[in-house]
Amino acid sequence: MDGFPAWIWDDPALPMPFLQKLAREGAVAKAMTIANPSITWPNHTTLVTGVMPAQHGVLFNGMMVRQGPGMPLKLEPWKNKAELIRVPTVYDLAFKAGLKTAHVDWVPTTNAGTFHFEFGERPNAANPIEREMLAAGLINATELREFNQRNPPWRDVFWTRAGVHIVKQHKPNLLLFHLLNTDAINHRSGPGTWASLSAFAFADTCLREMFDAVQAAGFADKATFVITTDHGFKSAKRIIRPNVALRQAGLLRLQGPTITTCDAVANTLGGSAMIYVPDKSKLAALTPKLKDLLGKLEGVERIYEPAEYASLGLPTPAQNDQMADLFVVAKDDYAFTHYPTGDEAVTDLTPEVYPGHHGYLASDPQLNGMFVAWGHGVKRGALLGEIRNVDVAPTVAALLGLKMENVEGRVLAEALERK
C-alpha cells in the first residue's frame, strides 16, 4: 500500500478493520525503516532485492539520464527492468526455482521476463491477462485504452480486479500487488487528513477482496499475506524552489516554463533535491557557489556532498551516473518543487504544489512504514519492534522455501513459525 506511514498505522481511529484483524492474528512491526531516496521506485526495489539503492541502482521513479553539458536531465520511467535493477530480485529467484510468479502494478518491472502473469502500471490490450479480462467482461476496451488518464482510486479498482483474476484463474506462488491511491491522496490532501483516512479505508476493502479471492481459489490455509509500504509521509507549509534560485543566479535558462539549458539544475523529490552540474569541467568551480547559494535558502536543512553519500545508503556519481553532484535536504514543514518560474525562491503553498510529501531523509521517523504478515508460516501474535525494509525480500524468500544471497537484510525469524 503506497505511502503508508507507521504513524498513521498507529492511529486508533484508522478505519482499516480488516488489516487490523490480520495484524492481531499475525505478525506486526512497530515500524519499518526505509531507504534513501525515500520515494516509490527505489523502495519498491529494496523490498524485492533486500539491498539499498547504492547496490540495486534505482534512484528515481525511472532512470535519470544525463543529456550532456549544458542540458537538463531527463527522467525515462519505462526503461527495461534489467537496465534499472543491478541485482537479483526475489521474483527472479522464485521464477528460476520453477514457481509461478505474478505482479499487478509493481514497479519497475518493464520487460522483466521473470513473471508468468502481469497487469502493469500501463496495461496493454495485447497482453495475456488484459485479453483474459476483456473476454471475461472485467474491463472494456475504452477503460483499457484510457487507463492511465483515469483517477487513482479508479485504477486501484481495476488493479484489484486484475489481482483477483490472477489469483482465481492462475494461482501464482508469488504475487506482488501495489495499490496507488493512498499515496495520491496523501500528496493531494496531506497525510492524516479525513481524505487520507478515507483512502486507507478504501485500500482495506481492496485487501479484503484479495483475501476473499484467495479463499475462493481454495488455498487460504496455504497462503501468506505480507502487507507493507514504500515510505511514510509528511506535510509541508512552505515550498523551496531551487530552480528559481538557480535561474536568478544565471545558472539556468528558460523558454516559457521549460528549462532549455543550464549550468546547474535541481531535480526535486519533495523533502530533498538532487543538484546536477551537467558539464563536469565546471563542477569544481560551481560546487562552492551552489552550496553557498542553496545553503542560504530558507528551509534548507543540510547539503551533502558525494563523500557523505555512503552514510545515506546512496551511491556516488562515479558509482551510478544518475546520482546528483549535491544532495539537499529540507527542514520540517518545508518541501522542494522543481518549478523554475516566479520571483520568489521560497513561498507558501500554491495551487500547483500539494501539501503532502516524502523524499525526506529515511532516518526521519515520519518516513517509517508499516509491516504486517499473516497466514501460512507466520507466527500468531508476533510483535516485531522496528524492522528494516531490506528484511522483507529475504523473509518472503524464506516463506517460499528459498534463500536470497548477498543481501543486506535478514530473515525475520521472530515473525515465522519454527519448522
Protein backbone atom coordinates (compact mmCIF):
# COMPACT_ATOMS: atom_id res chain seq x y z
CA MET A 1 0.00 0.00 0.00
CA ASP A 2 1.81 3.07 -1.30
CA GLY A 3 2.68 5.82 1.18
CA PHE A 4 1.54 4.15 4.43
CA PRO A 5 3.36 5.75 7.39
CA ALA A 6 3.83 3.87 10.64
CA TRP A 7 2.44 6.92 12.44
CA ILE A 8 -0.88 6.59 10.58
CA TRP A 9 -0.90 2.84 11.24
CA ASP A 10 -0.67 3.70 14.96
CA ASP A 11 -3.77 5.94 14.82
CA PRO A 12 -6.52 4.22 16.87
CA ALA A 13 -9.12 5.85 14.58
CA LEU A 14 -7.62 4.38 11.40
CA PRO A 15 -10.62 2.87 9.53
CA MET A 16 -8.97 -0.37 8.36
CA PRO A 17 -10.73 -3.13 10.32
CA PHE A 18 -9.66 -5.96 8.03
CA LEU A 19 -5.95 -5.14 8.05
CA GLN A 20 -6.13 -4.58 11.80
CA LYS A 21 -7.67 -8.04 12.18
CA LEU A 22 -4.81 -9.59 10.18
CA ALA A 23 -2.30 -7.72 12.35
CA ARG A 24 -3.86 -9.08 15.56
CA GLU A 25 -3.78 -12.62 14.19
CA GLY A 26 -0.34 -12.44 12.57
CA ALA A 27 2.93 -10.57 12.95
CA VAL A 28 3.18 -6.79 13.10
CA ALA A 29 6.13 -4.39 13.26
CA LYS A 30 6.19 -1.29 15.39
CA ALA A 31 7.78 0.43 12.39
CA MET A 32 9.78 -0.38 9.27
CA THR A 33 12.68 1.87 8.31
CA ILE A 34 13.13 2.63 4.63
CA ALA A 35 15.86 3.68 2.19
CA ASN A 36 17.10 6.92 0.67
CA PRO A 37 15.84 8.36 -1.60
CA SER A 38 12.53 7.93 0.22
CA ILE A 39 10.39 7.69 -2.92
CA THR A 40 8.46 4.86 -4.55
CA TRP A 41 10.62 3.00 -7.07
CA PRO A 42 13.84 2.89 -5.02
CA ASN A 43 11.96 1.46 -2.04
CA HIS A 44 9.86 -0.93 -4.11
CA THR A 45 13.16 -2.23 -5.40
CA THR A 46 14.68 -2.53 -1.93
CA LEU A 47 11.58 -4.50 -0.84
CA VAL A 48 12.22 -7.14 -3.53
CA THR A 49 16.05 -7.17 -3.52
CA GLY A 50 16.99 -6.88 0.15
CA VAL A 51 19.65 -4.26 -0.62
CA MET A 52 19.87 -0.48 -0.55
CA PRO A 53 19.75 1.73 -3.67
CA ALA A 54 23.54 2.09 -3.63
CA GLN A 55 23.60 -1.59 -4.65
CA HIS A 56 20.40 -2.11 -6.64
CA GLY A 57 20.81 1.08 -8.67
CA VAL A 58 17.25 2.51 -8.70
CA LEU A 59 17.36 6.12 -7.51
CA PHE A 60 14.24 7.64 -9.10
CA ASN A 61 10.82 6.64 -10.40
CA GLY A 62 12.60 5.73 -13.60
CA MET A 63 16.11 6.30 -14.95
CA MET A 64 17.63 9.79 -14.73
CA VAL A 65 19.56 10.36 -17.94
CA ARG A 66 22.30 12.98 -18.30
CA GLN A 67 21.85 14.56 -21.74
CA GLY A 68 25.22 16.25 -22.00
CA PRO A 69 26.93 19.50 -20.97
CA GLY A 70 24.58 22.43 -20.59
CA MET A 71 21.44 20.29 -20.83
CA PRO A 72 18.84 19.48 -18.17
CA LEU A 73 18.45 15.84 -17.22
CA LYS A 74 15.59 13.67 -18.47
CA LEU A 75 13.64 11.07 -16.48
CA GLU A 76 12.86 7.95 -18.52
CA PRO A 77 10.43 5.80 -16.47
CA TRP A 78 9.84 2.87 -18.78
CA LYS A 79 13.35 1.56 -19.20
CA ASN A 80 13.62 -2.23 -19.07
CA LYS A 81 13.91 -3.72 -15.61
CA ALA A 82 17.34 -5.16 -16.49
CA GLU A 83 18.66 -1.65 -17.22
CA LEU A 84 17.36 -0.29 -13.92
CA ILE A 85 17.94 -3.05 -11.36
CA ARG A 86 21.52 -4.27 -10.93
CA VAL A 87 20.94 -7.23 -8.59
CA PRO A 88 18.61 -10.27 -8.45
CA THR A 89 15.09 -9.88 -7.06
CA VAL A 90 13.00 -12.30 -5.02
CA TYR A 91 10.71 -12.79 -8.02
CA ASP A 92 13.72 -13.64 -10.22
CA LEU A 93 14.71 -16.23 -7.62
CA ALA A 94 11.19 -17.69 -7.44
CA PHE A 95 10.88 -17.84 -11.23
CA LYS A 96 14.19 -19.64 -11.60
CA ALA A 97 13.11 -22.10 -8.89
CA GLY A 98 10.12 -23.09 -11.05
CA LEU A 99 7.50 -21.22 -9.03
CA LYS A 100 4.68 -19.28 -10.71
CA THR A 101 5.21 -15.51 -10.37
CA ALA A 102 2.85 -12.59 -10.97
CA HIS A 103 2.55 -8.88 -10.38
CA VAL A 104 -0.09 -6.17 -10.52
CA ASP A 105 1.26 -2.61 -10.86
CA TRP A 106 4.66 -3.46 -9.37
CA VAL A 107 7.44 -1.11 -10.44
CA PRO A 108 9.94 -1.21 -12.04
CA THR A 109 9.15 -4.38 -13.98
CA THR A 110 9.11 -3.42 -17.67
CA ASN A 111 10.07 -6.49 -19.73
CA ALA A 112 11.33 -8.24 -16.60
CA GLY A 113 11.00 -11.68 -18.19
CA THR A 114 10.50 -13.43 -14.84
CA PHE A 115 6.74 -13.08 -14.41
CA HIS A 116 4.28 -15.62 -15.70
CA PHE A 117 1.30 -13.28 -15.24
CA GLU A 118 1.19 -9.48 -15.07
CA PHE A 119 -1.13 -6.48 -15.24
CA GLY A 120 1.13 -3.49 -15.14
CA GLU A 121 1.18 0.22 -14.45
CA ARG A 122 0.39 0.74 -18.13
CA PRO A 123 -1.87 -2.13 -19.19
CA ASN A 124 -1.92 -3.15 -22.83
CA ALA A 125 -4.75 -4.92 -24.67
CA ALA A 126 -2.19 -7.15 -26.39
CA ASN A 127 -1.05 -8.73 -23.10
CA PRO A 128 -2.46 -12.10 -21.97
CA ILE A 129 -4.06 -11.03 -18.66
CA GLU A 130 -5.65 -7.99 -20.27
CA ARG A 131 -7.08 -10.23 -23.02
CA GLU A 132 -8.47 -12.60 -20.41
CA MET A 133 -10.07 -9.73 -18.50
CA LEU A 134 -11.58 -8.30 -21.68
CA ALA A 135 -13.05 -11.69 -22.53
CA ALA A 136 -14.46 -12.08 -19.01
CA GLY A 137 -16.02 -8.60 -19.01
CA LEU A 138 -13.79 -7.41 -16.16
CA ILE A 139 -12.65 -4.40 -18.19
CA ASN A 140 -13.68 -2.99 -21.56
CA ALA A 141 -11.63 -1.64 -24.44
CA THR A 142 -12.31 2.02 -23.61
CA GLU A 143 -11.34 1.55 -19.97
CA LEU A 144 -8.15 -0.19 -21.01
CA ARG A 145 -7.27 2.46 -23.58
CA GLU A 146 -7.90 5.33 -21.15
CA PHE A 147 -6.47 3.55 -18.11
CA ASN A 148 -3.65 5.95 -17.28
CA GLN A 149 -5.84 9.03 -17.76
CA ARG A 150 -8.28 7.82 -15.09
CA ASN A 151 -8.06 8.77 -11.41
CA PRO A 152 -6.02 6.70 -8.91
CA PRO A 153 -8.95 5.17 -6.95
CA TRP A 154 -10.50 4.02 -10.25
CA ARG A 155 -7.20 2.43 -11.24
CA ASP A 156 -6.96 0.71 -7.83
CA VAL A 157 -10.40 -0.84 -8.51
CA PHE A 158 -9.15 -2.36 -11.74
CA TRP A 159 -5.76 -3.36 -10.37
CA THR A 160 -7.68 -5.19 -7.64
CA ARG A 161 -9.86 -6.86 -10.27
CA ALA A 162 -6.69 -7.95 -12.04
CA GLY A 163 -5.22 -9.32 -8.81
CA VAL A 164 -8.41 -11.22 -8.02
CA HIS A 165 -8.50 -12.63 -11.56
CA ILE A 166 -4.87 -13.78 -11.44
CA VAL A 167 -5.36 -15.43 -8.04
CA LYS A 168 -8.53 -17.27 -9.03
CA GLN A 169 -7.51 -18.31 -12.53
CA HIS A 170 -3.76 -18.88 -12.22
CA LYS A 171 -2.96 -19.46 -8.51
CA PRO A 172 0.58 -17.98 -8.51
CA ASN A 173 3.10 -18.92 -5.85
CA LEU A 174 4.17 -15.28 -5.56
CA LEU A 175 2.05 -12.22 -6.38
CA LEU A 176 3.37 -8.67 -5.98
CA PHE A 177 0.44 -6.27 -5.68
CA HIS A 178 0.56 -2.45 -5.46
CA LEU A 179 -2.23 -0.01 -4.54
CA LEU A 180 -1.52 3.62 -5.51
CA ASN A 181 -4.43 5.74 -4.29
CA THR A 182 -3.20 6.12 -0.70
CA ASP A 183 -0.06 7.84 -2.00
CA ALA A 184 -2.02 10.07 -4.37
CA ILE A 185 -4.43 11.27 -1.68
CA ASN A 186 -1.67 11.79 0.90
CA HIS A 187 0.08 14.03 -1.63
CA ARG A 188 -3.01 15.96 -2.68
CA SER A 189 -4.71 16.41 0.71
CA GLY A 190 -1.95 15.76 3.22
CA PRO A 191 -1.35 12.63 5.32
CA GLY A 192 -3.66 12.01 8.25
CA THR A 193 -6.48 14.19 6.90
CA TRP A 194 -10.01 12.84 6.52
CA ALA A 195 -9.36 12.37 2.81
CA SER A 196 -6.21 10.40 3.66
CA LEU A 197 -8.05 8.17 6.13
CA SER A 198 -10.79 7.58 3.55
CA ALA A 199 -8.13 6.41 1.08
CA PHE A 200 -6.83 3.91 3.63
CA ALA A 201 -10.38 2.68 4.28
CA PHE A 202 -10.75 2.05 0.55
CA ALA A 203 -7.40 0.22 0.47
CA ASP A 204 -8.73 -2.01 3.25
CA THR A 205 -11.66 -3.06 1.05
CA CYS A 206 -9.25 -3.86 -1.80
CA LEU A 207 -7.20 -6.02 0.56
CA ARG A 208 -10.35 -7.81 1.68
CA GLU A 209 -11.22 -8.54 -1.96
CA MET A 210 -7.79 -10.09 -2.48
CA PHE A 211 -8.21 -12.18 0.67
CA ASP A 212 -11.64 -13.38 -0.46
CA ALA A 213 -10.16 -14.33 -3.83
CA VAL A 214 -7.55 -16.50 -2.11
CA GLN A 215 -10.30 -18.20 -0.14
CA ALA A 216 -12.39 -18.73 -3.29
CA ALA A 217 -9.34 -20.21 -5.04
CA GLY A 218 -9.14 -22.82 -2.28
CA PHE A 219 -5.72 -22.20 -0.78
CA ALA A 220 -6.36 -19.83 2.13
CA ASP A 221 -4.73 -22.32 4.53
CA LYS A 222 -1.55 -22.28 2.41
CA ALA A 223 -1.38 -18.55 1.67
CA THR A 224 0.70 -15.86 3.34
CA PHE A 225 -0.04 -12.15 3.13
CA VAL A 226 2.78 -9.65 3.61
CA ILE A 227 1.33 -6.14 3.69
CA THR A 228 3.80 -3.28 3.70
CA THR A 229 4.69 0.01 2.03
CA ASP A 230 7.41 2.00 0.33
CA HIS A 231 7.60 5.13 2.52
CA GLY A 232 5.87 7.31 5.05
CA PHE A 233 4.68 10.89 4.63
CA LYS A 234 4.97 14.43 5.99
CA SER A 235 3.17 17.72 5.41
CA ALA A 236 4.77 20.96 4.24
CA LYS A 237 3.68 24.56 4.76
CA ARG A 238 6.43 26.31 2.79
CA ILE A 239 7.90 25.40 -0.61
CA ILE A 240 11.53 25.79 -1.69
CA ARG A 241 12.06 26.42 -5.41
CA PRO A 242 15.77 25.79 -6.07
CA ASN A 243 15.45 26.20 -9.83
CA VAL A 244 14.14 29.74 -9.28
CA ALA A 245 17.26 30.50 -7.24
CA LEU A 246 19.46 28.93 -9.94
CA ARG A 247 17.67 30.91 -12.67
CA GLN A 248 18.06 34.18 -10.76
CA ALA A 249 21.78 33.42 -10.35
CA GLY A 250 22.12 33.00 -14.13
CA LEU A 251 22.74 29.25 -13.89
CA LEU A 252 19.78 28.08 -15.95
CA ARG A 253 17.74 29.44 -18.85
CA LEU A 254 14.07 29.05 -19.75
CA GLN A 255 11.79 29.10 -22.74
CA GLY A 256 8.44 29.76 -21.15
CA PRO A 257 8.22 27.38 -18.17
CA THR A 258 10.73 24.91 -19.65
CA ILE A 259 14.40 24.70 -18.75
CA THR A 260 16.33 24.71 -22.02
CA THR A 261 19.98 24.99 -20.95
CA CYS A 262 21.71 25.04 -17.59
CA ASP A 263 25.00 25.15 -15.76
CA ALA A 264 23.24 23.62 -12.74
CA VAL A 265 19.75 22.21 -12.26
CA ALA A 266 17.66 20.73 -9.46
CA ASN A 267 15.56 17.59 -9.72
CA THR A 268 13.30 17.59 -6.69
CA LEU A 269 11.93 14.72 -4.60
CA GLY A 270 9.70 16.51 -2.12
CA GLY A 271 11.75 16.50 1.06
CA SER A 272 15.05 16.60 -0.82
CA ALA A 273 16.55 17.83 -4.06
CA MET A 274 19.22 16.42 -6.35
CA ILE A 275 21.53 19.12 -7.77
CA TYR A 276 23.38 18.42 -11.02
CA VAL A 277 26.18 20.17 -12.88
CA PRO A 278 25.81 18.73 -16.41
CA ASP A 279 29.26 19.88 -17.54
CA LYS A 280 31.75 18.07 -15.31
CA SER A 281 34.50 20.54 -16.24
CA LYS A 282 32.55 23.18 -14.29
CA LEU A 283 31.84 21.04 -11.21
CA ALA A 284 34.82 22.05 -9.05
CA ALA A 285 34.25 25.75 -9.61
CA LEU A 286 30.46 25.62 -9.19
CA THR A 287 30.24 23.38 -6.13
CA PRO A 288 31.16 26.04 -3.51
CA LYS A 289 28.94 28.60 -5.26
CA LEU A 290 26.00 26.19 -5.28
CA LYS A 291 26.49 25.29 -1.62
CA ASP A 292 26.52 28.98 -0.70
CA LEU A 293 23.51 29.85 -2.88
CA LEU A 294 21.32 26.92 -1.83
CA GLY A 295 22.51 26.81 1.76
CA LYS A 296 21.19 30.34 2.30
CA LEU A 297 17.66 29.44 1.17
CA GLU A 298 15.03 29.44 3.89
CA GLY A 299 14.08 25.87 4.79
CA VAL A 300 17.30 24.10 3.71
CA GLU A 301 18.49 21.78 6.48
CA ARG A 302 21.72 20.41 5.03
CA ILE A 303 23.68 19.89 1.82
CA TYR A 304 25.51 16.58 1.34
CA GLU A 305 28.48 16.08 -0.96
CA PRO A 306 29.38 12.75 -2.62
CA ALA A 307 31.91 11.81 0.06
CA GLU A 308 29.00 11.69 2.52
CA TYR A 309 26.57 9.69 0.36
CA ALA A 310 27.59 6.27 1.68
CA SER A 311 26.29 7.26 5.12
CA LEU A 312 22.87 7.70 3.49
CA GLY A 313 22.96 4.40 1.61
CA LEU A 314 23.40 6.29 -1.67
CA PRO A 315 25.99 5.81 -4.43
CA THR A 316 28.37 8.48 -5.63
CA PRO A 317 28.06 9.83 -9.19
CA ALA A 318 31.14 7.77 -10.05
CA GLN A 319 29.32 4.61 -8.93
CA ASN A 320 26.00 5.50 -10.59
CA ASP A 321 25.84 8.41 -13.02
CA GLN A 322 22.18 9.01 -12.19
CA MET A 323 23.24 10.28 -8.76
CA ALA A 324 23.45 14.02 -8.15
CA ASP A 325 26.51 16.14 -7.53
CA LEU A 326 24.88 17.56 -4.37
CA PHE A 327 22.01 16.23 -2.25
CA VAL A 328 19.99 18.89 -0.44
CA VAL A 329 17.58 18.14 2.43
CA ALA A 330 14.64 20.26 3.62
CA LYS A 331 13.76 21.18 7.19
CA ASP A 332 10.49 20.14 8.81
CA ASP A 333 7.46 21.94 7.32
CA TYR A 334 9.33 22.61 4.04
CA ALA A 335 9.47 20.75 0.73
CA PHE A 336 11.10 21.28 -2.67
CA THR A 337 9.44 21.72 -6.03
CA HIS A 338 11.07 21.78 -9.47
CA TYR A 339 9.10 24.72 -10.92
CA PRO A 340 11.63 27.27 -12.28
CA THR A 341 9.27 30.23 -12.79
CA GLY A 342 8.30 33.01 -10.41
CA ASP A 343 10.08 35.69 -8.44
CA GLU A 344 10.42 34.04 -5.04
CA ALA A 345 12.70 31.07 -4.28
CA VAL A 346 10.67 30.16 -1.18
CA THR A 347 6.88 30.57 -1.00
CA ASP A 348 3.82 29.43 0.84
CA LEU A 349 1.92 26.50 -0.66
CA THR A 350 0.46 27.36 -4.07
CA PRO A 351 -2.25 25.51 -6.03
CA GLU A 352 0.22 23.62 -8.24
CA VAL A 353 2.16 22.24 -5.25
CA TYR A 354 0.49 19.68 -2.98
CA PRO A 355 0.87 19.67 0.81
CA GLY A 356 1.88 16.02 1.31
CA HIS A 357 5.45 14.90 0.64
CA HIS A 358 8.02 12.18 1.11
CA GLY A 359 11.64 12.24 -0.10
CA TYR A 360 12.96 13.44 3.27
CA LEU A 361 15.85 11.60 4.89
CA ALA A 362 14.88 8.00 5.57
CA SER A 363 16.12 8.43 9.15
CA ASP A 364 13.13 10.70 9.86
CA PRO A 365 10.65 8.60 11.92
CA GLN A 366 7.71 10.06 9.96
CA LEU A 367 9.10 8.31 6.88
CA ASN A 368 8.94 4.89 8.58
CA GLY A 369 6.41 2.50 7.08
CA MET A 370 4.14 -0.25 8.35
CA PHE A 371 4.54 -4.03 8.07
CA VAL A 372 2.08 -6.86 8.73
CA ALA A 373 2.40 -10.57 7.89
CA TRP A 374 -0.40 -13.12 8.22
CA GLY A 375 -1.10 -16.70 7.29
CA HIS A 376 0.86 -19.83 6.47
CA GLY A 377 4.26 -19.89 8.15
CA VAL A 378 3.64 -16.74 10.20
CA LYS A 379 3.74 -16.80 13.99
CA ARG A 380 0.45 -15.67 15.51
CA GLY A 381 0.63 -12.60 17.71
CA ALA A 382 4.28 -11.81 16.95
CA LEU A 383 5.32 -8.25 17.86
CA LEU A 384 8.43 -7.39 15.87
CA GLY A 385 9.55 -4.00 17.11
CA GLU A 386 11.39 -1.97 14.46
CA ILE A 387 12.48 -3.77 11.28
CA ARG A 388 14.13 -2.62 8.03
CA ASN A 389 12.68 -2.82 4.56
CA VAL A 390 15.77 -4.75 3.41
CA ASP A 391 14.42 -7.58 5.61
CA VAL A 392 11.29 -8.09 3.51
CA ALA A 393 12.81 -9.86 0.48
CA PRO A 394 14.81 -12.48 2.42
CA THR A 395 11.74 -13.14 4.60
CA VAL A 396 9.48 -13.61 1.57
CA ALA A 397 12.09 -15.92 0.06
CA ALA A 398 12.17 -17.99 3.27
CA LEU A 399 8.37 -18.31 3.19
CA LEU A 400 8.74 -19.72 -0.34
CA GLY A 401 11.42 -22.18 0.81
CA LEU A 402 14.16 -20.20 -0.91
CA LYS A 403 17.24 -18.24 0.19
CA MET A 404 18.44 -14.89 -1.10
CA GLU A 405 22.20 -14.48 -1.26
CA ASN A 406 24.28 -11.31 -0.83
CA VAL A 407 21.53 -9.24 0.77
CA GLU A 408 21.79 -6.52 3.42
CA GLY A 409 18.63 -7.63 5.22
CA ARG A 410 17.84 -10.70 7.28
CA VAL A 411 15.06 -13.25 7.54
CA LEU A 412 12.59 -12.09 10.20
CA ALA A 413 12.79 -15.38 12.05
CA GLU A 414 10.87 -13.95 15.00
CA ALA A 415 7.85 -13.49 12.69
CA LEU A 416 7.89 -17.07 11.39
CA GLU A 417 6.75 -20.37 12.83
CA ARG A 418 9.51 -22.79 13.64
CA LYS A 419 9.62 -25.73 11.28
